[in-house]
Amino acid sequence: MKAAFVSSVAGLIVDSRMFLWLVFGSLDFLAGQVVSKLITVIATLPVLIWIRSRDRRLGLSPA
């Protein structure tokens, strides 16, 4: 789970920088982009925890 969080945060920073630079040619709104995407990542963590615990309970292992 830690890896999923860290990779999501790294990806959202890179994605936000690239998007803003390519579309607007400016990084003026980088903080807002990063914060809004970070909120989404944090909001999905309980779902990820639930799915992993359900899979463990059912005896399923990750691919």
PDB file of N, CA and C in Angstrom:
ATOM      1  N   MET A   1       0.820  -1.187   0.000  1.00  0.00           N
ATOM      2  CA  MET A   1       0.000   0.000   0.000  1.00  0.00           C
ATOM      3  C   MET A   1       0.871   1.260   0.000  1.00  0.00           C
ATOM      4  N   LYS A   2       1.969   1.199   0.731  1.00  0.00           N
ATOM      5  CA  LYS A   2       2.883   2.336   0.766  1.00  0.00           C
ATOM      6  C   LYS A   2       3.416   2.629  -0.636  1.00  0.00           C
ATOM      7  N   ALA A   3       3.737   1.572  -1.378  1.00  0.00           N
ATOM      8  CA  ALA A   3       4.242   1.748  -2.741  1.00  0.00           C
ATOM      9  C   ALA A   3       3.190   2.392  -3.639  1.00  0.00           C
ATOM     10  N   ALA A   4       1.935   1.987  -3.475  1.00  0.00           N
ATOM     11  CA  ALA A   4       0.862   2.569  -4.291  1.00  0.00           C
ATOM     12  C   ALA A   4       0.714   4.058  -4.003  1.00  0.00           C
ATOM     13  N   PHE A   5       0.808   4.439  -2.734  1.00  0.00           N
ATOM     14  CA  PHE A   5       0.682   5.844  -2.365  1.00  0.00           C
ATOM     15  C   PHE A   5       1.855   6.666  -2.907  1.00  0.00           C
ATOM     16  N   VAL A   6       3.065   6.162  -2.699  1.00  0.00           N
ATOM     17  CA  VAL A   6       4.261   6.897  -3.142  1.00  0.00           C
ATOM     18  C   VAL A   6       4.278   7.041  -4.661  1.00  0.00           C
ATOM     19  N   SER A   7       3.954   5.963  -5.375  1.00  0.00           N
ATOM     20  CA  SER A   7       3.963   6.061  -6.836  1.00  0.00           C
ATOM     21  C   SER A   7       2.855   6.987  -7.343  1.00  0.00           C
ATOM     22  N   SER A   8       1.719   6.991  -6.666  1.00  0.00           N
ATOM     23  CA  SER A   8       0.633   7.897  -7.060  1.00  0.00           C
ATOM     24  C   SER A   8       1.032   9.351  -6.865  1.00  0.00           C
ATOM     25  N   VAL A   9       1.673   9.639  -5.739  1.00  0.00           N
ATOM     26  CA  VAL A   9       2.096  11.019  -5.469  1.00  0.00           C
ATOM     27  C   VAL A   9       3.159  11.453  -6.481  1.00  0.00           C
ATOM     28  N   ALA A  10       4.132  10.584  -6.744  1.00  0.00           N
ATOM     29  CA  ALA A  10       5.164  10.922  -7.729  1.00  0.00           C
ATOM     30  C   ALA A  10       4.542  11.135  -9.104  1.00  0.00           C
ATOM     31  N   GLY A  11       3.632  10.258  -9.478  1.00  0.00           N
ATOM     32  CA  GLY A  11       2.985  10.370 -10.780  1.00  0.00           C
ATOM     33  C   GLY A  11       2.134  11.614 -10.916  1.00  0.00           C
ATOM     34  N   LEU A  12       1.421  11.986  -9.863  1.00  0.00           N
ATOM     35  CA  LEU A  12       0.558  13.163  -9.963  1.00  0.00           C
ATOM     36  C   LEU A  12       1.380  14.445 -10.067  1.00  0.00           C
ATOM     37  N   ILE A  13       2.542  14.465  -9.455  1.00  0.00           N
ATOM     38  CA  ILE A  13       3.402  15.654  -9.573  1.00  0.00           C
ATOM     39  C   ILE A  13       3.933  15.772 -10.997  1.00  0.00           C
ATOM     40  N   VAL A  14       4.435  14.666 -11.533  1.00  0.00           N
ATOM     41  CA  VAL A  14       4.959  14.683 -12.910  1.00  0.00           C
ATOM     42  C   VAL A  14       3.837  15.004 -13.888  1.00  0.00           C
ATOM     43  N   ASP A  15       2.695  14.374 -13.720  1.00  0.00           N
ATOM     44  CA  ASP A  15       1.551  14.597 -14.606  1.00  0.00           C
ATOM     45  C   ASP A  15       1.092  16.056 -14.572  1.00  0.00           C
ATOM     46  N   SER A  16       1.011  16.619 -13.386  1.00  0.00           N
ATOM     47  CA  SER A  16       0.565  18.006 -13.255  1.00  0.00           C
ATOM     48  C   SER A  16       1.535  18.967 -13.922  1.00  0.00           C
ATOM     49  N   ARG A  17       2.814  18.755 -13.707  1.00  0.00           N
ATOM     50  CA  ARG A  17       3.821  19.626 -14.331  1.00  0.00           C
ATOM     51  C   ARG A  17       3.741  19.554 -15.851  1.00  0.00           C
ATOM     52  N   MET A  18       3.676  18.325 -16.364  1.00  0.00           N
ATOM     53  CA  MET A  18       3.635  18.169 -17.822  1.00  0.00           C
ATOM     54  C   MET A  18       2.366  18.775 -18.404  1.00  0.00           C
ATOM     55  N   PHE A  19       1.227  18.504 -17.778  1.00  0.00           N
ATOM     56  CA  PHE A  19      -0.042  19.029 -18.276  1.00  0.00           C
ATOM     57  C   PHE A  19      -0.029  20.554 -18.318  1.00  0.00           C
ATOM     58  N   LEU A  20       0.323  21.166 -17.206  1.00  0.00           N
ATOM     59  CA  LEU A  20       0.304  22.634 -17.150  1.00  0.00           C
ATOM     60  C   LEU A  20       1.291  23.245 -18.140  1.00  0.00           C
ATOM     61  N   TRP A  21       2.456  22.650 -18.261  1.00  0.00           N
ATOM     62  CA  TRP A  21       3.456  23.204 -19.166  1.00  0.00           C
ATOM     63  C   TRP A  21       3.024  23.051 -20.627  1.00  0.00           C
ATOM     64  N   LEU A  22       2.505  21.866 -20.978  1.00  0.00           N
ATOM     65  CA  LEU A  22       2.113  21.633 -22.364  1.00  0.00           C
ATOM     66  C   LEU A  22       0.860  22.405 -22.757  1.00  0.00           C
ATOM     67  N   VAL A  23      -0.111  22.497 -21.868  1.00  0.00           N
ATOM     68  CA  VAL A  23      -1.379  23.137 -22.221  1.00  0.00           C
ATOM     69  C   VAL A  23      -1.325  24.651 -22.059  1.00  0.00           C
ATOM     70  N   PHE A  24      -0.730  25.124 -20.955  1.00  0.00           N
ATOM     71  CA  PHE A  24      -0.750  26.554 -20.668  1.00  0.00           C
ATOM     72  C   PHE A  24       0.613  27.225 -20.794  1.00  0.00           C
ATOM     73  N   GLY A  25       1.677  26.441 -20.905  1.00  0.00           N
ATOM     74  CA  GLY A  25       3.017  27.015 -20.997  1.00  0.00           C
ATOM     75  C   GLY A  25       3.445  27.696 -19.705  1.00  0.00           C
ATOM     76  N   SER A  26       2.842  27.306 -18.595  1.00  0.00           N
ATOM     77  CA  SER A  26       3.107  27.942 -17.318  1.00  0.00           C
ATOM     78  C   SER A  26       2.841  26.944 -16.185  1.00  0.00           C
ATOM     79  N   LEU A  27       3.535  27.123 -15.086  1.00  0.00           N
ATOM     80  CA  LEU A  27       3.325  26.278 -13.913  1.00  0.00           C
ATOM     81  C   LEU A  27       2.649  27.055 -12.787  1.00  0.00           C
ATOM     82  N   ASP A  28       1.922  28.113 -13.137  1.00  0.00           N
ATOM     83  CA  ASP A  28       1.295  28.976 -12.137  1.00  0.00           C
ATOM     84  C   ASP A  28       0.313  28.237 -11.232  1.00  0.00           C
ATOM     85  N   PHE A  29      -0.369  27.249 -11.759  1.00  0.00           N
ATOM     86  CA  PHE A  29      -1.406  26.565 -10.988  1.00  0.00           C
ATOM     87  C   PHE A  29      -0.963  25.189 -10.494  1.00  0.00           C
ATOM     88  N   LEU A  30       0.337  24.979 -10.403  1.00  0.00           N
ATOM     89  CA  LEU A  30       0.862  23.672 -10.005  1.00  0.00           C
ATOM     90  C   LEU A  30       0.390  23.261  -8.611  1.00  0.00           C
ATOM     91  N   ALA A  31       0.425  24.172  -7.672  1.00  0.00           N
ATOM     92  CA  ALA A  31       0.026  23.833  -6.298  1.00  0.00           C
ATOM     93  C   ALA A  31      -1.429  23.358  -6.252  1.00  0.00           C
ATOM     94  N   GLY A  32      -2.317  24.041  -6.938  1.00  0.00           N
ATOM     95  CA  GLY A  32      -3.720  23.652  -6.954  1.00  0.00           C
ATOM     96  C   GLY A  32      -3.931  22.293  -7.599  1.00  0.00           C
ATOM     97  N   GLN A  33      -3.223  22.037  -8.684  1.00  0.00           N
ATOM     98  CA  GLN A  33      -3.310  20.738  -9.354  1.00  0.00           C
ATOM     99  C   GLN A  33      -2.839  19.619  -8.432  1.00  0.00           C
ATOM    100  N   VAL A  34      -1.704  19.822  -7.792  1.00  0.00           N
ATOM    101  CA  VAL A  34      -1.133  18.792  -6.926  1.00  0.00           C
ATOM    102  C   VAL A  34      -2.038  18.541  -5.723  1.00  0.00           C
ATOM    103  N   VAL A  35      -2.528  19.592  -5.104  1.00  0.00           N
ATOM    104  CA  VAL A  35      -3.385  19.429  -3.919  1.00  0.00           C
ATOM    105  C   VAL A  35      -4.680  18.705  -4.280  1.00  0.00           C
ATOM    106  N   SER A  36      -5.313  19.077  -5.376  1.00  0.00           N
ATOM    107  CA  SER A  36      -6.577  18.429  -5.740  1.00  0.00           C
ATOM    108  C   SER A  36      -6.373  16.960  -6.091  1.00  0.00           C
ATOM    109  N   LYS A  37      -5.298  16.639  -6.784  1.00  0.00           N
ATOM    110  CA  LYS A  37      -5.026  15.243  -7.109  1.00  0.00           C
ATOM    111  C   LYS A  37      -4.627  14.460  -5.865  1.00  0.00           C
ATOM    112  N   LEU A  38      -3.904  15.090  -4.948  1.00  0.00           N
ATOM    113  CA  LEU A  38      -3.516  14.427  -3.700  1.00  0.00           C
ATOM    114  C   LEU A  38      -4.741  14.089  -2.857  1.00  0.00           C
ATOM    115  N   ILE A  39      -5.706  14.984  -2.830  1.00  0.00           N
ATOM    116  CA  ILE A  39      -6.954  14.717  -2.104  1.00  0.00           C
ATOM    117  C   ILE A  39      -7.639  13.487  -2.698  1.00  0.00           C
ATOM    118  N   THR A  40      -7.641  13.363  -4.010  1.00  0.00           N
ATOM    119  CA  THR A  40      -8.249  12.211  -4.663  1.00  0.00           C
ATOM    120  C   THR A  40      -7.512  10.921  -4.305  1.00  0.00           C
ATOM    121  N   VAL A  41      -6.184  10.968  -4.298  1.00  0.00           N
ATOM    122  CA  VAL A  41      -5.399   9.787  -3.931  1.00  0.00           C
ATOM    123  C   VAL A  41      -5.708   9.378  -2.495  1.00  0.00           C
ATOM    124  N   ILE A  42      -5.734  10.325  -1.588  1.00  0.00           N
ATOM    125  CA  ILE A  42      -6.007  10.025  -0.175  1.00  0.00           C
ATOM    126  C   ILE A  42      -7.425   9.475  -0.011  1.00  0.00           C
ATOM    127  N   ALA A  43      -8.368  10.005  -0.776  1.00  0.00           N
ATOM    128  CA  ALA A  43      -9.751   9.541  -0.681  1.00  0.00           C
ATOM    129  C   ALA A  43      -9.910   8.098  -1.165  1.00  0.00           C
ATOM    130  N   THR A  44      -9.061   7.664  -2.082  1.00  0.00           N
ATOM    131  CA  THR A  44      -9.174   6.297  -2.596  1.00  0.00           C
ATOM    132  C   THR A  44      -8.427   5.265  -1.757  1.00  0.00           C
ATOM    133  N   LEU A  45      -7.597   5.700  -0.831  1.00  0.00           N
ATOM    134  CA  LEU A  45      -6.847   4.753  -0.002  1.00  0.00           C
ATOM    135  C   LEU A  45      -7.744   3.800   0.793  1.00  0.00           C
ATOM    136  N   PRO A  46      -8.828   4.245   1.413  1.00  0.00           N
ATOM    137  CA  PRO A  46      -9.691   3.287   2.120  1.00  0.00           C
ATOM    138  C   PRO A  46     -10.252   2.197   1.200  1.00  0.00           C
ATOM    139  N   VAL A  47     -10.550   2.545  -0.040  1.00  0.00           N
ATOM    140  CA  VAL A  47     -11.047   1.550  -0.990  1.00  0.00           C
ATOM    141  C   VAL A  47      -9.957   0.527  -1.288  1.00  0.00           C
ATOM    142  N   LEU A  48      -8.738   0.995  -1.484  1.00  0.00           N
ATOM    143  CA  LEU A  48      -7.608   0.100  -1.735  1.00  0.00           C
ATOM    144  C   LEU A  48      -7.374  -0.824  -0.545  1.00  0.00           C
ATOM    145  N   ILE A  49      -7.440  -0.289   0.652  1.00  0.00           N
ATOM    146  CA  ILE A  49      -7.271  -1.097   1.865  1.00  0.00           C
ATOM    147  C   ILE A  49      -8.377  -2.153   1.941  1.00  0.00           C
ATOM    148  N   TRP A  50      -9.609  -1.764   1.664  1.00  0.00           N
ATOM    149  CA  TRP A  50     -10.726  -2.706   1.715  1.00  0.00           C
ATOM    150  C   TRP A  50     -10.555  -3.828   0.690  1.00  0.00           C
ATOM    151  N   ILE A  51     -10.173  -3.481  -0.530  1.00  0.00           N
ATOM    152  CA  ILE A  51     -10.008  -4.492  -1.579  1.00  0.00           C
ATOM    153  C   ILE A  51      -8.895  -5.466  -1.205  1.00  0.00           C
ATOM    154  N   ARG A  52      -7.787  -4.956  -0.711  1.00  0.00           N
ATOM    155  CA  ARG A  52      -6.680  -5.844  -0.342  1.00  0.00           C
ATOM    156  C   ARG A  52      -7.042  -6.749   0.828  1.00  0.00           C
ATOM    157  N   SER A  53      -7.753  -6.234   1.809  1.00  0.00           N
ATOM    158  CA  SER A  53      -8.143  -7.084   2.939  1.00  0.00           C
ATOM    159  C   SER A  53      -9.165  -8.131   2.491  1.00  0.00           C
ATOM    160  N   ARG A  54     -10.070  -7.770   1.606  1.00  0.00           N
ATOM    161  CA  ARG A  54     -11.042  -8.726   1.067  1.00  0.00           C
ATOM    162  C   ARG A  54     -10.329  -9.828   0.288  1.00  0.00           C
ATOM    163  N   ASP A  55      -9.357  -9.434  -0.528  1.00  0.00           N
ATOM    164  CA  ASP A  55      -8.610 -10.425  -1.311  1.00  0.00           C
ATOM    165  C   ASP A  55      -7.840 -11.384  -0.399  1.00  0.00           C
ATOM    166  N   ARG A  56      -7.226 -10.844   0.655  1.00  0.00           N
ATOM    167  CA  ARG A  56      -6.522 -11.707   1.619  1.00  0.00           C
ATOM    168  C   ARG A  56      -7.496 -12.683   2.266  1.00  0.00           C
ATOM    169  N   ARG A  57      -8.645 -12.191   2.642  1.00  0.00           N
ATOM    170  CA  ARG A  57      -9.658 -13.019   3.295  1.00  0.00           C
ATOM    171  C   ARG A  57     -10.134 -14.137   2.361  1.00  0.00           C
ATOM    172  N   LEU A  58     -10.211 -13.847   1.077  1.00  0.00           N
ATOM    173  CA  LEU A  58     -10.655 -14.841   0.094  1.00  0.00           C
ATOM    174  C   LEU A  58      -9.510 -15.739  -0.388  1.00  0.00           C
ATOM    175  N   GLY A  59      -8.306 -15.459   0.066  1.00  0.00           N
ATOM    176  CA  GLY A  59      -7.153 -16.265  -0.326  1.00  0.00           C
ATOM    177  C   GLY A  59      -6.595 -15.924  -1.691  1.00  0.00           C
ATOM    178  N   LEU A  60      -6.920 -14.747  -2.176  1.00  0.00           N
ATOM    179  CA  LEU A  60      -6.401 -14.305  -3.474  1.00  0.00           C
ATOM    180  C   LEU A  60      -5.071 -13.588  -3.270  1.00  0.00           C
ATOM    181  N   SER A  61      -4.178 -13.748  -4.205  1.00  0.00           N
ATOM    182  CA  SER A  61      -2.900 -13.049  -4.105  1.00  0.00           C
ATOM    183  C   SER A  61      -2.738 -12.150  -5.324  1.00  0.00           C
ATOM    184  N   PRO A  62      -1.981 -11.062  -5.175  1.00  0.00           N
ATOM    185  CA  PRO A  62      -1.795 -10.146  -6.306  1.00  0.00           C
ATOM    186  C   PRO A  62      -1.059 -10.817  -7.448  1.00  0.00           C
ATOM    187  N   ALA A  63      -1.341 -10.377  -8.640  1.00  0.00           N
ATOM    188  CA  ALA A  63      -0.684 -10.949  -9.829  1.00  0.00           C
ATOM    189  C   ALA A  63       0.761 -10.536  -9.899  1.00  0.00           C
TER     190      ALA A  63
END
